[in-house]
Amino acid sequence: MHNDDNSFFDAVKKSFNKAAEFTKWDKGLLEQISACNAVYRMRFPVKKKMVVLK
């Protein structure tokens, strides 16, 4: 994985862990939910319109 991907994943994991502190769910269940089972990578083409400044 690329570093940018890791930092995004780390941010999501950190947010999940913060929110999990406020739940009454079993710690084992929360670990199962937060485990990364797969990574999906998608790329979407983007067309940019050329703008000429005068």
C-alpha atoms as a PDB file:
ATOM      1  CA  MET A   1       0.000   0.000   0.000  1.00  0.00           C
ATOM      2  CA  HIS A   2       1.069   3.558  -0.648  1.00  0.00           C
ATOM      3  CA  ASN A   3       1.848   5.876   2.310  1.00  0.00           C
ATOM      4  CA  ASP A   4      -1.190   8.085   1.566  1.00  0.00           C
ATOM      5  CA  ASP A   5      -3.405   5.009   1.738  1.00  0.00           C
ATOM      6  CA  ASN A   6      -1.880   4.027   5.076  1.00  0.00           C
ATOM      7  CA  SER A   7      -2.396   7.468   6.579  1.00  0.00           C
ATOM      8  CA  PHE A   8      -6.055   7.438   5.505  1.00  0.00           C
ATOM      9  CA  PHE A   9      -6.500   3.927   6.926  1.00  0.00           C
ATOM     10  CA  ASP A  10      -4.788   4.984  10.166  1.00  0.00           C
ATOM     11  CA  ALA A  11      -7.114   7.999  10.453  1.00  0.00           C
ATOM     12  CA  VAL A  12     -10.187   5.806   9.965  1.00  0.00           C
ATOM     13  CA  LYS A  13      -8.900   3.274  12.500  1.00  0.00           C
ATOM     14  CA  LYS A  14      -8.199   6.045  15.022  1.00  0.00           C
ATOM     15  CA  SER A  15     -11.704   7.488  14.569  1.00  0.00           C
ATOM     16  CA  PHE A  16     -13.273   4.028  14.941  1.00  0.00           C
ATOM     17  CA  ASN A  17     -11.356   3.357  18.148  1.00  0.00           C
ATOM     18  CA  LYS A  18     -12.383   6.738  19.592  1.00  0.00           C
ATOM     19  CA  ALA A  19     -16.049   6.099  18.808  1.00  0.00           C
ATOM     20  CA  ALA A  20     -15.844   2.509  20.088  1.00  0.00           C
ATOM     21  CA  GLU A  21     -15.011   3.813  23.563  1.00  0.00           C
ATOM     22  CA  PHE A  22     -18.556   5.206  23.809  1.00  0.00           C
ATOM     23  CA  THR A  23     -20.322   1.943  22.936  1.00  0.00           C
ATOM     24  CA  LYS A  24     -21.320  -0.936  25.156  1.00  0.00           C
ATOM     25  CA  TRP A  25     -20.342  -3.557  22.565  1.00  0.00           C
ATOM     26  CA  ASP A  26     -18.005  -6.392  23.496  1.00  0.00           C
ATOM     27  CA  LYS A  27     -14.342  -5.607  22.771  1.00  0.00           C
ATOM     28  CA  GLY A  28     -13.998  -8.814  20.712  1.00  0.00           C
ATOM     29  CA  LEU A  29     -16.887  -7.802  18.447  1.00  0.00           C
ATOM     30  CA  LEU A  30     -15.409  -4.344  17.921  1.00  0.00           C
ATOM     31  CA  GLU A  31     -12.072  -5.920  16.950  1.00  0.00           C
ATOM     32  CA  GLN A  32     -13.841  -8.088  14.372  1.00  0.00           C
ATOM     33  CA  ILE A  33     -15.663  -5.087  12.929  1.00  0.00           C
ATOM     34  CA  SER A  34     -12.509  -2.992  12.703  1.00  0.00           C
ATOM     35  CA  ALA A  35     -10.356  -5.722  11.127  1.00  0.00           C
ATOM     36  CA  CYS A  36      -9.436  -4.984   7.525  1.00  0.00           C
ATOM     37  CA  ASN A  37     -10.486  -8.013   5.464  1.00  0.00           C
ATOM     38  CA  ALA A  38      -9.909  -6.561   2.002  1.00  0.00           C
ATOM     39  CA  VAL A  39      -8.627  -3.486   0.219  1.00  0.00           C
ATOM     40  CA  TYR A  40     -10.413  -2.183  -2.868  1.00  0.00           C
ATOM     41  CA  ARG A  41      -8.654   0.278  -5.119  1.00  0.00           C
ATOM     42  CA  MET A  42     -10.575   2.209  -7.782  1.00  0.00           C
ATOM     43  CA  ARG A  43      -9.572   4.828 -10.291  1.00  0.00           C
ATOM     44  CA  PHE A  44     -12.022   7.101 -12.037  1.00  0.00           C
ATOM     45  CA  PRO A  45     -11.074   9.061 -15.158  1.00  0.00           C
ATOM     46  CA  VAL A  46     -11.569  12.807 -14.864  1.00  0.00           C
ATOM     47  CA  LYS A  47     -11.763  15.103 -17.873  1.00  0.00           C
ATOM     48  CA  LYS A  48     -10.506  18.617 -17.303  1.00  0.00           C
ATOM     49  CA  LYS A  49     -11.548  21.553 -19.441  1.00  0.00           C
ATOM     50  CA  MET A  50      -8.650  23.715 -20.587  1.00  0.00           C
ATOM     51  CA  VAL A  51      -9.049  27.326 -19.517  1.00  0.00           C
ATOM     52  CA  VAL A  52      -6.983  29.956 -21.324  1.00  0.00           C
ATOM     53  CA  LEU A  53      -6.340  33.136 -19.343  1.00  0.00           C
ATOM     54  CA  LYS A  54      -5.776  36.344 -21.311  1.00  0.00           C
END
